[in-house]
PDB file of N, CA and C in Angstrom:
ATOM      1  N   MET A   1      -4.789  17.335   9.584  1.00  0.00           N
ATOM      2  CA  MET A   1      -3.762  17.031  10.374  1.00  0.00           C
ATOM      3  C   MET A   1      -2.598  17.016  10.499  1.00  0.00           C
ATOM      4  N   GLU A   2      -1.560  17.880  10.763  1.00  0.00           N
ATOM      5  CA  GLU A   2      -0.634  18.063  10.180  1.00  0.00           C
ATOM      6  C   GLU A   2       0.286  16.875  10.306  1.00  0.00           C
ATOM      7  N   ILE A   3       0.995  16.880   9.478  1.00  0.00           N
ATOM      8  CA  ILE A   3       2.367  15.112   9.802  1.00  0.00           C
ATOM      9  C   ILE A   3       4.139  15.842   9.974  1.00  0.00           C
ATOM     10  N   MET A   4       4.009  14.136  11.594  1.00  0.00           N
ATOM     11  CA  MET A   4       5.272  15.133  11.790  1.00  0.00           C
ATOM     12  C   MET A   4       6.197  15.821  11.109  1.00  0.00           C
ATOM     13  N   ARG A   5       7.112  16.577  11.832  1.00  0.00           N
ATOM     14  CA  ARG A   5       8.053  17.652  11.339  1.00  0.00           C
ATOM     15  C   ARG A   5       8.320  16.692   9.771  1.00  0.00           C
ATOM     16  N   GLU A   6      10.003  15.617  10.489  1.00  0.00           N
ATOM     17  CA  GLU A   6      10.553  14.894  10.184  1.00  0.00           C
ATOM     18  C   GLU A   6      10.079  13.446  10.501  1.00  0.00           C
ATOM     19  N   VAL A   7       9.709  13.017   8.760  1.00  0.00           N
ATOM     20  CA  VAL A   7       9.762  11.168   9.101  1.00  0.00           C
ATOM     21  C   VAL A   7      11.297  10.461   8.037  1.00  0.00           C
ATOM     22  N   THR A   8      11.774   9.900   9.694  1.00  0.00           N
ATOM     23  CA  THR A   8      13.223   9.375   9.026  1.00  0.00           C
ATOM     24  C   THR A   8      12.834   7.921   9.335  1.00  0.00           C
ATOM     25  N   ILE A   9      12.449   7.283   9.597  1.00  0.00           N
ATOM     26  CA  ILE A   9      12.356   6.134   9.566  1.00  0.00           C
ATOM     27  C   ILE A   9      11.529   5.592   8.853  1.00  0.00           C
ATOM     28  N   PRO A  10      11.840   4.556   7.573  1.00  0.00           N
ATOM     29  CA  PRO A  10      10.785   4.465   6.524  1.00  0.00           C
ATOM     30  C   PRO A  10       9.539   3.089   7.276  1.00  0.00           C
ATOM     31  N   GLN A  11       8.043   3.677   6.838  1.00  0.00           N
ATOM     32  CA  GLN A  11       7.710   2.742   7.790  1.00  0.00           C
ATOM     33  C   GLN A  11       6.673   1.898   6.570  1.00  0.00           C
ATOM     34  N   LEU A  12       6.443   0.952   6.358  1.00  0.00           N
ATOM     35  CA  LEU A  12       5.252  -0.164   5.432  1.00  0.00           C
ATOM     36  C   LEU A  12       4.426  -0.609   6.550  1.00  0.00           C
ATOM     37  N   THR A  13       3.422   0.001   6.045  1.00  0.00           N
ATOM     38  CA  THR A  13       1.924   0.346   6.675  1.00  0.00           C
ATOM     39  C   THR A  13       0.780  -1.527   5.629  1.00  0.00           C
ATOM     40  N   ILE A  14       0.763  -2.461   6.248  1.00  0.00           N
ATOM     41  CA  ILE A  14       0.128  -3.631   5.503  1.00  0.00           C
ATOM     42  C   ILE A  14      -1.705  -3.629   6.286  1.00  0.00           C
ATOM     43  N   CYS A  15      -2.771  -3.873   5.261  1.00  0.00           N
ATOM     44  CA  CYS A  15      -3.871  -4.132   5.037  1.00  0.00           C
ATOM     45  C   CYS A  15      -4.194  -2.994   6.465  1.00  0.00           C
ATOM     46  N   ALA A  16      -4.478  -3.561   7.610  1.00  0.00           N
ATOM     47  CA  ALA A  16      -5.181  -2.139   8.264  1.00  0.00           C
ATOM     48  C   ALA A  16      -4.666  -1.414   8.383  1.00  0.00           C
ATOM     49  N   THR A  17      -3.070  -1.570   9.033  1.00  0.00           N
ATOM     50  CA  THR A  17      -2.178  -0.234   9.348  1.00  0.00           C
ATOM     51  C   THR A  17      -2.013   0.328   8.226  1.00  0.00           C
ATOM     52  N   HIS A  18      -2.408   0.115   6.459  1.00  0.00           N
ATOM     53  CA  HIS A  18      -2.207   0.076   5.839  1.00  0.00           C
ATOM     54  C   HIS A  18      -3.702   1.628   5.992  1.00  0.00           C
ATOM     55  N   GLN A  19      -5.187   1.129   6.123  1.00  0.00           N
ATOM     56  CA  GLN A  19      -5.920   2.433   6.003  1.00  0.00           C
ATOM     57  C   GLN A  19      -5.945   3.445   7.277  1.00  0.00           C
ATOM     58  N   LEU A  20      -5.381   2.637   8.405  1.00  0.00           N
ATOM     59  CA  LEU A  20      -5.020   3.180   9.747  1.00  0.00           C
ATOM     60  C   LEU A  20      -4.060   5.001   9.081  1.00  0.00           C
ATOM     61  N   LEU A  21      -3.187   4.569   8.526  1.00  0.00           N
ATOM     62  CA  LEU A  21      -2.639   5.330   8.128  1.00  0.00           C
ATOM     63  C   LEU A  21      -3.138   6.591   7.364  1.00  0.00           C
ATOM     64  N   ALA A  22      -4.187   5.953   6.219  1.00  0.00           N
ATOM     65  CA  ALA A  22      -4.424   6.923   5.608  1.00  0.00           C
ATOM     66  C   ALA A  22      -5.566   7.773   7.041  1.00  0.00           C
ATOM     67  N   ILE A  23      -5.922   7.080   7.577  1.00  0.00           N
ATOM     68  CA  ILE A  23      -6.627   7.922   8.606  1.00  0.00           C
ATOM     69  C   ILE A  23      -6.146   8.943   9.431  1.00  0.00           C
ATOM     70  N   VAL A  24      -4.998   8.255   9.967  1.00  0.00           N
ATOM     71  CA  VAL A  24      -4.287   9.602  10.590  1.00  0.00           C
ATOM     72  C   VAL A  24      -4.112  10.617   9.756  1.00  0.00           C
ATOM     73  N   HIS A  25      -3.319  10.140   8.856  1.00  0.00           N
ATOM     74  CA  HIS A  25      -3.003  11.557   7.916  1.00  0.00           C
ATOM     75  C   HIS A  25      -3.930  12.309   7.147  1.00  0.00           C
ATOM     76  N   GLY A  26      -5.310  12.071   7.469  1.00  0.00           N
ATOM     77  CA  GLY A  26      -6.368  13.039   6.908  1.00  0.00           C
ATOM     78  C   GLY A  26      -7.656  12.284   6.361  1.00  0.00           C
ATOM     79  N   GLY A  27      -6.955  11.337   5.827  1.00  0.00           N
ATOM     80  CA  GLY A  27      -7.838  10.499   4.828  1.00  0.00           C
ATOM     81  C   GLY A  27      -8.846   9.859   5.303  1.00  0.00           C
ATOM     82  N   THR A  28      -9.872   9.263   4.909  1.00  0.00           N
ATOM     83  CA  THR A  28     -10.702   7.980   5.758  1.00  0.00           C
ATOM     84  C   THR A  28     -10.578   6.799   4.833  1.00  0.00           C
ATOM     85  N   ALA A  29     -11.207   5.672   5.706  1.00  0.00           N
ATOM     86  CA  ALA A  29     -11.293   4.371   5.592  1.00  0.00           C
ATOM     87  C   ALA A  29     -12.503   4.219   5.974  1.00  0.00           C
ATOM     88  N   GLY A  30     -12.835   2.948   5.267  1.00  0.00           N
ATOM     89  CA  GLY A  30     -14.533   2.243   5.790  1.00  0.00           C
ATOM     90  C   GLY A  30     -14.575   0.796   4.871  1.00  0.00           C
ATOM     91  N   PRO A  31     -16.385   0.533   5.025  1.00  0.00           N
ATOM     92  CA  PRO A  31     -15.908  -0.811   4.344  1.00  0.00           C
ATOM     93  C   PRO A  31     -16.523  -0.635   3.142  1.00  0.00           C
ATOM     94  N   ALA A  32     -15.452  -1.613   2.685  1.00  0.00           N
ATOM     95  CA  ALA A  32     -15.240  -1.777   1.455  1.00  0.00           C
ATOM     96  C   ALA A  32     -16.736  -1.954   0.100  1.00  0.00           C
ATOM     97  N   GLY A  33     -17.035  -1.188  -0.852  1.00  0.00           N
ATOM     98  CA  GLY A  33     -18.123  -1.394  -1.669  1.00  0.00           C
ATOM     99  C   GLY A  33     -18.442  -2.941  -2.297  1.00  0.00           C
ATOM    100  N   GLN A  34     -16.971  -3.701  -1.834  1.00  0.00           N
ATOM    101  CA  GLN A  34     -16.752  -5.471  -2.720  1.00  0.00           C
ATOM    102  C   GLN A  34     -15.477  -5.606  -1.459  1.00  0.00           C
ATOM    103  N   PRO A  35     -15.334  -6.493  -0.361  1.00  0.00           N
ATOM    104  CA  PRO A  35     -14.461  -6.915  -0.263  1.00  0.00           C
ATOM    105  C   PRO A  35     -14.478  -8.142  -0.690  1.00  0.00           C
ATOM    106  N   GLU A  36     -12.577  -8.466  -0.615  1.00  0.00           N
ATOM    107  CA  GLU A  36     -11.476  -9.130  -1.468  1.00  0.00           C
ATOM    108  C   GLU A  36     -11.278 -10.371  -0.597  1.00  0.00           C
ATOM    109  N   TYR A  37     -11.172 -11.084  -0.905  1.00  0.00           N
ATOM    110  CA  TYR A  37     -11.134 -12.366  -0.076  1.00  0.00           C
ATOM    111  C   TYR A  37     -10.588 -13.322  -0.839  1.00  0.00           C
ATOM    112  N   GLY A  38      -9.207 -13.536  -1.091  1.00  0.00           N
ATOM    113  CA  GLY A  38      -8.833 -14.840  -2.009  1.00  0.00           C
ATOM    114  C   GLY A  38      -7.586 -14.123  -2.565  1.00  0.00           C
ATOM    115  N   MET A  39      -7.109 -15.304  -3.274  1.00  0.00           N
ATOM    116  CA  MET A  39      -6.106 -14.128  -4.475  1.00  0.00           C
ATOM    117  C   MET A  39      -6.758 -13.120  -5.527  1.00  0.00           C
ATOM    118  N   GLY A  40      -6.260 -12.489  -6.214  1.00  0.00           N
ATOM    119  CA  GLY A  40      -6.280 -11.331  -6.455  1.00  0.00           C
ATOM    120  C   GLY A  40      -5.750 -10.591  -7.960  1.00  0.00           C
ATOM    121  N   GLU A  41      -5.938  -9.830  -8.575  1.00  0.00           N
ATOM    122  CA  GLU A  41      -4.984  -8.914  -9.094  1.00  0.00           C
ATOM    123  C   GLU A  41      -4.919  -7.761  -8.362  1.00  0.00           C
ATOM    124  N   VAL A  42      -3.533  -7.306  -8.967  1.00  0.00           N
ATOM    125  CA  VAL A  42      -3.456  -5.914  -8.301  1.00  0.00           C
ATOM    126  C   VAL A  42      -2.568  -5.213  -9.621  1.00  0.00           C
ATOM    127  N   PHE A  43      -2.948  -4.179 -10.356  1.00  0.00           N
ATOM    128  CA  PHE A  43      -2.673  -3.628 -11.457  1.00  0.00           C
ATOM    129  C   PHE A  43      -1.345  -2.666 -10.805  1.00  0.00           C
ATOM    130  N   VAL A  44      -0.692  -2.525 -11.577  1.00  0.00           N
ATOM    131  CA  VAL A  44       0.477  -1.107 -10.592  1.00  0.00           C
ATOM    132  C   VAL A  44       0.107  -0.271 -12.298  1.00  0.00           C
ATOM    133  N   GLU A  45      -0.056   1.314 -11.162  1.00  0.00           N
ATOM    134  CA  GLU A  45      -0.238   2.073 -11.920  1.00  0.00           C
ATOM    135  C   GLU A  45       1.228   3.060 -12.317  1.00  0.00           C
ATOM    136  N   ASP A  46       2.309   2.520 -11.030  1.00  0.00           N
ATOM    137  CA  ASP A  46       3.315   3.268 -11.371  1.00  0.00           C
ATOM    138  C   ASP A  46       4.210   2.694  -9.780  1.00  0.00           C
ATOM    139  N   GLU A  47       5.046   1.684 -10.256  1.00  0.00           N
ATOM    140  CA  GLU A  47       6.357   0.838  -9.803  1.00  0.00           C
ATOM    141  C   GLU A  47       6.841   1.524  -8.270  1.00  0.00           C
ATOM    142  N   ASP A  48       6.790   2.933  -8.868  1.00  0.00           N
ATOM    143  CA  ASP A  48       7.826   3.654  -7.561  1.00  0.00           C
ATOM    144  C   ASP A  48       8.424   2.594  -7.115  1.00  0.00           C
ATOM    145  N   GLU A  49       9.406   2.901  -5.852  1.00  0.00           N
ATOM    146  CA  GLU A  49      10.237   2.368  -5.300  1.00  0.00           C
ATOM    147  C   GLU A  49      10.096   0.792  -4.179  1.00  0.00           C
ATOM    148  N   ILE A  50       8.551   1.243  -3.575  1.00  0.00           N
ATOM    149  CA  ILE A  50       8.420  -0.635  -3.448  1.00  0.00           C
ATOM    150  C   ILE A  50       8.007  -1.745  -3.889  1.00  0.00           C
ATOM    151  N   LEU A  51       7.460  -1.176  -5.450  1.00  0.00           N
ATOM    152  CA  LEU A  51       6.397  -2.455  -6.056  1.00  0.00           C
ATOM    153  C   LEU A  51       7.840  -2.478  -7.074  1.00  0.00           C
ATOM    154  N   LYS A  52       8.777  -2.161  -6.814  1.00  0.00           N
ATOM    155  CA  LYS A  52      10.140  -2.084  -8.287  1.00  0.00           C
ATOM    156  C   LYS A  52       9.688  -3.770  -8.665  1.00  0.00           C
ATOM    157  N   GLY A  53       9.956  -3.612 -10.120  1.00  0.00           N
ATOM    158  CA  GLY A  53       9.861  -5.078 -10.733  1.00  0.00           C
ATOM    159  C   GLY A  53       8.802  -5.934 -11.209  1.00  0.00           C
ATOM    160  N   LEU A  54       7.867  -5.154 -10.737  1.00  0.00           N
ATOM    161  CA  LEU A  54       6.057  -5.791 -10.445  1.00  0.00           C
ATOM    162  C   LEU A  54       4.765  -5.815 -11.662  1.00  0.00           C
ATOM    163  N   ARG A  55       5.617  -4.492 -12.036  1.00  0.00           N
ATOM    164  CA  ARG A  55       4.937  -3.999 -13.242  1.00  0.00           C
ATOM    165  C   ARG A  55       4.200  -4.943 -14.459  1.00  0.00           C
ATOM    166  N   PRO A  56       3.240  -5.062 -14.834  1.00  0.00           N
ATOM    167  CA  PRO A  56       1.893  -4.359 -14.952  1.00  0.00           C
ATOM    168  C   PRO A  56       0.923  -4.920 -13.665  1.00  0.00           C
ATOM    169  N   LYS A  57       1.408  -5.803 -13.651  1.00  0.00           N
ATOM    170  CA  LYS A  57       0.372  -6.200 -12.742  1.00  0.00           C
ATOM    171  C   LYS A  57       1.075  -7.999 -11.837  1.00  0.00           C
ATOM    172  N   PHE A  58       0.525  -8.132 -10.519  1.00  0.00           N
ATOM    173  CA  PHE A  58       0.795  -9.497 -10.035  1.00  0.00           C
ATOM    174  C   PHE A  58      -0.439  -9.878  -9.139  1.00  0.00           C
ATOM    175  N   THR A  59      -0.302 -11.691  -9.148  1.00  0.00           N
ATOM    176  CA  THR A  59      -1.305 -12.034  -8.193  1.00  0.00           C
ATOM    177  C   THR A  59      -0.760 -11.882  -6.654  1.00  0.00           C
ATOM    178  N   ALA A  60      -1.778 -11.683  -5.663  1.00  0.00           N
ATOM    179  CA  ALA A  60      -1.262 -11.231  -4.262  1.00  0.00           C
ATOM    180  C   ALA A  60      -2.793 -12.037  -3.214  1.00  0.00           C
ATOM    181  N   LEU A  61      -2.656 -12.097  -2.602  1.00  0.00           N
ATOM    182  CA  LEU A  61      -3.210 -12.568  -1.099  1.00  0.00           C
ATOM    183  C   LEU A  61      -4.091 -11.132  -0.945  1.00  0.00           C
ATOM    184  N   LEU A  62      -5.641 -11.030  -0.925  1.00  0.00           N
ATOM    185  CA  LEU A  62      -6.299 -10.068  -0.903  1.00  0.00           C
ATOM    186  C   LEU A  62      -7.588 -10.448   0.335  1.00  0.00           C
ATOM    187  N   THR A  63      -7.249  -9.633   1.034  1.00  0.00           N
ATOM    188  CA  THR A  63      -8.019 -10.316   2.529  1.00  0.00           C
ATOM    189  C   THR A  63      -8.017  -8.656   3.523  1.00  0.00           C
ATOM    190  N   HIS A  64      -9.646  -8.457   2.851  1.00  0.00           N
ATOM    191  CA  HIS A  64     -10.207  -7.386   3.523  1.00  0.00           C
ATOM    192  C   HIS A  64     -11.279  -6.716   3.077  1.00  0.00           C
ATOM    193  N   ASN A  65     -12.282  -6.309   4.461  1.00  0.00           N
ATOM    194  CA  ASN A  65     -13.303  -5.849   4.241  1.00  0.00           C
ATOM    195  C   ASN A  65     -13.836  -4.347   4.169  1.00  0.00           C
ATOM    196  N   ASP A  66     -12.344  -3.775   4.753  1.00  0.00           N
ATOM    197  CA  ASP A  66     -12.658  -2.347   4.759  1.00  0.00           C
ATOM    198  C   ASP A  66     -11.516  -1.994   3.994  1.00  0.00           C
ATOM    199  N   GLU A  67     -11.433  -0.560   3.237  1.00  0.00           N
ATOM    200  CA  GLU A  67     -10.427  -0.022   1.982  1.00  0.00           C
ATOM    201  C   GLU A  67     -10.397   1.416   2.346  1.00  0.00           C
ATOM    202  N   VAL A  68      -8.884   1.775   2.135  1.00  0.00           N
ATOM    203  CA  VAL A  68      -9.181   3.474   2.456  1.00  0.00           C
ATOM    204  C   VAL A  68     -10.279   3.691   0.985  1.00  0.00           C
ATOM    205  N   LYS A  69     -11.133   5.385   1.635  1.00  0.00           N
ATOM    206  CA  LYS A  69     -11.807   5.949   0.951  1.00  0.00           C
ATOM    207  C   LYS A  69     -11.331   6.839   0.305  1.00  0.00           C
ATOM    208  N   LYS A  70     -10.736   7.994   1.221  1.00  0.00           N
ATOM    209  CA  LYS A  70     -10.528   9.001   0.404  1.00  0.00           C
ATOM    210  C   LYS A  70      -8.743   8.922   0.938  1.00  0.00           C
ATOM    211  N   MET A  71      -8.509   9.152  -0.277  1.00  0.00           N
ATOM    212  CA  MET A  71      -6.819   9.360   0.547  1.00  0.00           C
ATOM    213  C   MET A  71      -6.295  10.510   1.036  1.00  0.00           C
ATOM    214  N   PRO A  72      -5.294  10.370   1.844  1.00  0.00           N
ATOM    215  CA  PRO A  72      -4.640  11.797   2.625  1.00  0.00           C
ATOM    216  C   PRO A  72      -3.679  12.773   1.275  1.00  0.00           C
ATOM    217  N   LYS A  73      -4.022  14.168   2.132  1.00  0.00           N
ATOM    218  CA  LYS A  73      -3.932  14.956   1.419  1.00  0.00           C
ATOM    219  C   LYS A  73      -2.557  15.298   0.643  1.00  0.00           C
ATOM    220  N   ASP A  74      -1.198  14.451   1.058  1.00  0.00           N
ATOM    221  CA  ASP A  74      -0.604  13.980   0.968  1.00  0.00           C
ATOM    222  C   ASP A  74       0.472  12.847   0.096  1.00  0.00           C
ATOM    223  N   PHE A  75      -0.730  12.512  -0.311  1.00  0.00           N
ATOM    224  CA  PHE A  75      -0.246  10.725  -0.824  1.00  0.00           C
ATOM    225  C   PHE A  75      -0.848  11.033  -1.697  1.00  0.00           C
ATOM    226  N   VAL A  76       0.226   9.906  -2.472  1.00  0.00           N
ATOM    227  CA  VAL A  76      -0.411   9.401  -4.167  1.00  0.00           C
ATOM    228  C   VAL A  76      -0.345   7.549  -3.840  1.00  0.00           C
ATOM    229  N   LYS A  77      -1.576   7.200  -5.114  1.00  0.00           N
ATOM    230  CA  LYS A  77      -1.687   6.007  -4.913  1.00  0.00           C
ATOM    231  C   LYS A  77      -0.856   5.247  -5.867  1.00  0.00           C
ATOM    232  N   PHE A  78      -0.773   4.252  -5.867  1.00  0.00           N
ATOM    233  CA  PHE A  78       0.121   3.656  -6.880  1.00  0.00           C
ATOM    234  C   PHE A  78      -0.159   1.942  -7.715  1.00  0.00           C
ATOM    235  N   ALA A  79      -0.869   1.993  -7.346  1.00  0.00           N
ATOM    236  CA  ALA A  79      -1.516   0.287  -7.213  1.00  0.00           C
ATOM    237  C   ALA A  79      -3.218   0.172  -7.325  1.00  0.00           C
ATOM    238  N   HIS A  80      -4.031  -0.393  -8.058  1.00  0.00           N
ATOM    239  CA  HIS A  80      -5.187  -0.906  -7.427  1.00  0.00           C
ATOM    240  C   HIS A  80      -5.466  -2.271  -7.357  1.00  0.00           C
ATOM    241  N   SER A  81      -6.951  -2.601  -7.724  1.00  0.00           N
ATOM    242  CA  SER A  81      -7.101  -4.361  -8.060  1.00  0.00           C
ATOM    243  C   SER A  81      -8.869  -3.728  -8.359  1.00  0.00           C
ATOM    244  N   GLU A  82      -8.962  -4.928  -9.195  1.00  0.00           N
ATOM    245  CA  GLU A  82     -10.617  -4.708  -9.703  1.00  0.00           C
ATOM    246  C   GLU A  82     -11.716  -3.771  -8.603  1.00  0.00           C
ATOM    247  N   HIS A  83     -11.773  -3.966  -6.942  1.00  0.00           N
ATOM    248  CA  HIS A  83     -13.008  -3.343  -6.636  1.00  0.00           C
ATOM    249  C   HIS A  83     -12.408  -2.685  -5.582  1.00  0.00           C
ATOM    250  N   CYS A  84     -10.721  -2.702  -5.884  1.00  0.00           N
ATOM    251  CA  CYS A  84     -10.004  -1.530  -4.237  1.00  0.00           C
ATOM    252  C   CYS A  84      -9.338  -0.329  -4.846  1.00  0.00           C
ATOM    253  N   LYS A  85      -9.764   0.697  -5.089  1.00  0.00           N
ATOM    254  CA  LYS A  85      -8.757   1.621  -5.396  1.00  0.00           C
ATOM    255  C   LYS A  85      -7.374   2.234  -5.440  1.00  0.00           C
ATOM    256  N   VAL A  86      -7.396   1.707  -4.044  1.00  0.00           N
ATOM    257  CA  VAL A  86      -6.011   2.364  -3.462  1.00  0.00           C
ATOM    258  C   VAL A  86      -5.453   1.119  -2.683  1.00  0.00           C
ATOM    259  N   GLN A  87      -4.822   0.211  -3.251  1.00  0.00           N
ATOM    260  CA  GLN A  87      -3.910  -0.649  -2.903  1.00  0.00           C
ATOM    261  C   GLN A  87      -2.665  -0.889  -2.777  1.00  0.00           C
ATOM    262  N   ALA A  88      -1.940   0.751  -2.891  1.00  0.00           N
ATOM    263  CA  ALA A  88      -0.450   1.293  -2.567  1.00  0.00           C
ATOM    264  C   ALA A  88      -0.210   2.196  -2.947  1.00  0.00           C
ATOM    265  N   MET A  89       0.032   2.718  -1.869  1.00  0.00           N
ATOM    266  CA  MET A  89      -0.019   4.296  -1.387  1.00  0.00           C
ATOM    267  C   MET A  89       1.503   5.050  -0.744  1.00  0.00           C
ATOM    268  N   LYS A  90       1.772   5.593  -0.795  1.00  0.00           N
ATOM    269  CA  LYS A  90       2.757   6.666  -0.528  1.00  0.00           C
ATOM    270  C   LYS A  90       3.020   7.435  -0.091  1.00  0.00           C
ATOM    271  N   HIS A  91       3.453   8.775   0.989  1.00  0.00           N
ATOM    272  CA  HIS A  91       3.764   9.523   0.862  1.00  0.00           C
ATOM    273  C   HIS A  91       4.912  10.765   0.302  1.00  0.00           C
ATOM    274  N   LYS A  92       3.542  11.892  -0.389  1.00  0.00           N
ATOM    275  CA  LYS A  92       4.872  12.485  -1.355  1.00  0.00           C
ATOM    276  C   LYS A  92       6.253  12.632  -1.083  1.00  0.00           C
ATOM    277  N   LYS A  93       6.541  13.064   0.541  1.00  0.00           N
ATOM    278  CA  LYS A  93       7.852  13.674   0.818  1.00  0.00           C
ATOM    279  C   LYS A  93       8.747  12.581   1.960  1.00  0.00           C
ATOM    280  N   TYR A  94       7.723  11.854   2.328  1.00  0.00           N
ATOM    281  CA  TYR A  94       8.219  10.891   3.758  1.00  0.00           C
ATOM    282  C   TYR A  94       8.520   9.642   3.547  1.00  0.00           C
ATOM    283  N   PRO A  95       9.146   8.746   3.812  1.00  0.00           N
ATOM    284  CA  PRO A  95       9.246   7.659   3.609  1.00  0.00           C
ATOM    285  C   PRO A  95       8.269   6.294   4.094  1.00  0.00           C
ATOM    286  N   LEU A  96       6.796   6.792   3.811  1.00  0.00           N
ATOM    287  CA  LEU A  96       5.812   6.096   4.381  1.00  0.00           C
ATOM    288  C   LEU A  96       4.864   4.868   3.305  1.00  0.00           C
ATOM    289  N   TYR A  97       5.034   4.050   3.116  1.00  0.00           N
ATOM    290  CA  TYR A  97       4.300   3.264   2.426  1.00  0.00           C
ATOM    291  C   TYR A  97       2.854   2.482   3.214  1.00  0.00           C
ATOM    292  N   GLY A  98       2.156   2.225   2.200  1.00  0.00           N
ATOM    293  CA  GLY A  98       0.825   1.180   2.691  1.00  0.00           C
ATOM    294  C   GLY A  98       0.238   0.428   1.511  1.00  0.00           C
ATOM    295  N   VAL A  99       0.277  -0.810   2.229  1.00  0.00           N
ATOM    296  CA  VAL A  99      -0.220  -2.033   1.205  1.00  0.00           C
ATOM    297  C   VAL A  99      -1.362  -2.225   1.911  1.00  0.00           C
ATOM    298  N   GLN A 100      -2.637  -2.729   0.496  1.00  0.00           N
ATOM    299  CA  GLN A 100      -3.297  -3.442   1.617  1.00  0.00           C
ATOM    300  C   GLN A 100      -4.012  -4.719   1.233  1.00  0.00           C
ATOM    301  N   PHE A 101      -2.976  -5.511   0.438  1.00  0.00           N
ATOM    302  CA  PHE A 101      -2.912  -6.526  -0.128  1.00  0.00           C
ATOM    303  C   PHE A 101      -1.250  -7.008   0.818  1.00  0.00           C
ATOM    304  N   HIS A 102      -1.332  -8.479   1.192  1.00  0.00           N
ATOM    305  CA  HIS A 102      -0.698  -9.106   1.868  1.00  0.00           C
ATOM    306  C   HIS A 102       0.712  -9.899   0.783  1.00  0.00           C
ATOM    307  N   PRO A 103       1.826  -8.886   1.342  1.00  0.00           N
ATOM    308  CA  PRO A 103       3.217  -9.073   0.964  1.00  0.00           C
ATOM    309  C   PRO A 103       3.844 -10.355   1.921  1.00  0.00           C
ATOM    310  N   GLU A 104       3.167  -9.892   3.208  1.00  0.00           N
ATOM    311  CA  GLU A 104       4.010 -10.858   4.088  1.00  0.00           C
ATOM    312  C   GLU A 104       3.706 -12.464   3.644  1.00  0.00           C
ATOM    313  N   THR A 105       3.147 -12.947   3.110  1.00  0.00           N
ATOM    314  CA  THR A 105       2.755 -13.974   2.148  1.00  0.00           C
ATOM    315  C   THR A 105       2.993 -14.851   1.326  1.00  0.00           C
ATOM    316  N   VAL A 106       3.726 -15.889   1.795  1.00  0.00           N
ATOM    317  CA  VAL A 106       4.502 -16.449   0.127  1.00  0.00           C
ATOM    318  C   VAL A 106       3.525 -16.743  -0.982  1.00  0.00           C
ATOM    319  N   HIS A 107       2.312 -16.633  -0.833  1.00  0.00           N
ATOM    320  CA  HIS A 107       1.037 -16.898  -1.638  1.00  0.00           C
ATOM    321  C   HIS A 107       0.832 -15.024  -2.568  1.00  0.00           C
ATOM    322  N   THR A 108       1.833 -14.412  -2.172  1.00  0.00           N
ATOM    323  CA  THR A 108       1.718 -12.741  -2.919  1.00  0.00           C
ATOM    324  C   THR A 108       2.839 -13.622  -4.033  1.00  0.00           C
ATOM    325  N   GLN A 109       2.472 -13.106  -5.016  1.00  0.00           N
ATOM    326  CA  GLN A 109       4.013 -12.882  -5.889  1.00  0.00           C
ATOM    327  C   GLN A 109       4.668 -11.482  -5.797  1.00  0.00           C
ATOM    328  N   GLY A 110       6.012 -12.085  -5.429  1.00  0.00           N
ATOM    329  CA  GLY A 110       6.893 -11.205  -5.795  1.00  0.00           C
ATOM    330  C   GLY A 110       6.863 -10.302  -4.395  1.00  0.00           C
ATOM    331  N   SER A 111       6.563 -11.274  -3.194  1.00  0.00           N
ATOM    332  CA  SER A 111       6.255 -10.968  -2.014  1.00  0.00           C
ATOM    333  C   SER A 111       8.005 -10.350  -1.758  1.00  0.00           C
ATOM    334  N   ALA A 112       9.092 -11.454  -1.999  1.00  0.00           N
ATOM    335  CA  ALA A 112      10.371 -11.147  -1.459  1.00  0.00           C
ATOM    336  C   ALA A 112      10.361 -10.257  -2.387  1.00  0.00           C
ATOM    337  N   LEU A 113      10.564  -9.881  -3.362  1.00  0.00           N
ATOM    338  CA  LEU A 113      11.171  -8.901  -4.192  1.00  0.00           C
ATOM    339  C   LEU A 113      10.147  -7.459  -3.382  1.00  0.00           C
ATOM    340  N   ILE A 114       9.402  -7.423  -3.351  1.00  0.00           N
ATOM    341  CA  ILE A 114       8.652  -6.110  -2.106  1.00  0.00           C
ATOM    342  C   ILE A 114       9.355  -5.769  -1.032  1.00  0.00           C
ATOM    343  N   PHE A 115       9.950  -7.455  -0.269  1.00  0.00           N
ATOM    344  CA  PHE A 115      10.331  -6.449   0.593  1.00  0.00           C
ATOM    345  C   PHE A 115      12.353  -6.253   0.892  1.00  0.00           C
ATOM    346  N   GLU A 116      12.452  -6.760  -0.352  1.00  0.00           N
ATOM    347  CA  GLU A 116      13.914  -6.229  -0.964  1.00  0.00           C
ATOM    348  C   GLU A 116      13.625  -4.839  -1.389  1.00  0.00           C
ATOM    349  N   ASN A 117      12.908  -4.242  -1.762  1.00  0.00           N
ATOM    350  CA  ASN A 117      12.801  -2.864  -1.866  1.00  0.00           C
ATOM    351  C   ASN A 117      12.999  -2.527  -1.159  1.00  0.00           C
ATOM    352  N   PHE A 118      11.476  -3.121  -0.160  1.00  0.00           N
ATOM    353  CA  PHE A 118      11.925  -1.942   1.265  1.00  0.00           C
ATOM    354  C   PHE A 118      13.481  -1.964   2.031  1.00  0.00           C
ATOM    355  N   LYS A 119      13.590  -2.815   2.096  1.00  0.00           N
ATOM    356  CA  LYS A 119      15.308  -3.202   2.534  1.00  0.00           C
ATOM    357  C   LYS A 119      15.993  -1.749   2.032  1.00  0.00           C
ATOM    358  N   ARG A 120      16.485  -1.965   0.723  1.00  0.00           N
ATOM    359  CA  ARG A 120      16.563  -0.891   0.084  1.00  0.00           C
ATOM    360  C   ARG A 120      16.455   0.318   0.098  1.00  0.00           C
ATOM    361  N   ILE A 121      14.872   0.662   0.066  1.00  0.00           N
ATOM    362  CA  ILE A 121      14.564   2.144   0.961  1.00  0.00           C
ATOM    363  C   ILE A 121      15.155   1.941   2.408  1.00  0.00           C
ATOM    364  N   CYS A 122      15.255   1.470   3.388  1.00  0.00           N
ATOM    365  CA  CYS A 122      15.562   1.627   4.557  1.00  0.00           C
ATOM    366  C   CYS A 122      16.961   1.754   4.594  1.00  0.00           C
ATOM    367  N   ARG A 123      18.041   1.796   4.073  1.00  0.00           N
ATOM    368  CA  ARG A 123      19.346   1.479   3.690  1.00  0.00           C
ATOM    369  C   ARG A 123      19.572   2.970   2.862  1.00  0.00           C
ATOM    370  N   LYS A 124      18.643   4.063   2.530  1.00  0.00           N
ATOM    371  CA  LYS A 124      19.259   5.006   1.861  1.00  0.00           C
ATOM    372  C   LYS A 124      19.278   6.232   3.122  1.00  0.00           C
TER     373      LYS A 124
END
């Protein structure tokens, strides 16, 4: 599947839409080997723009039964958890971001920082 020629509006997808982002761009998603429910640690492999300031790890609300199984071709992952290999990913060229965890809750450590980082990306 070919991505749109120009993606100019940044997108941050969360949980199920993170999985959908992978599928739409040629990756796969499906049942997790071990679903994650409750609080867990997310390990930041590369801070990137969206997780800037959260390295090397943070506690997040993890509530998913499915996960990204195969990364889309033009995406890179930059965070994982104990049981989920792709907790965060982004497109190599376009401002498309996906996270499996839930930054929209107060339970996720650094949630406000994640959205501040995303606002910064949107202002570029």
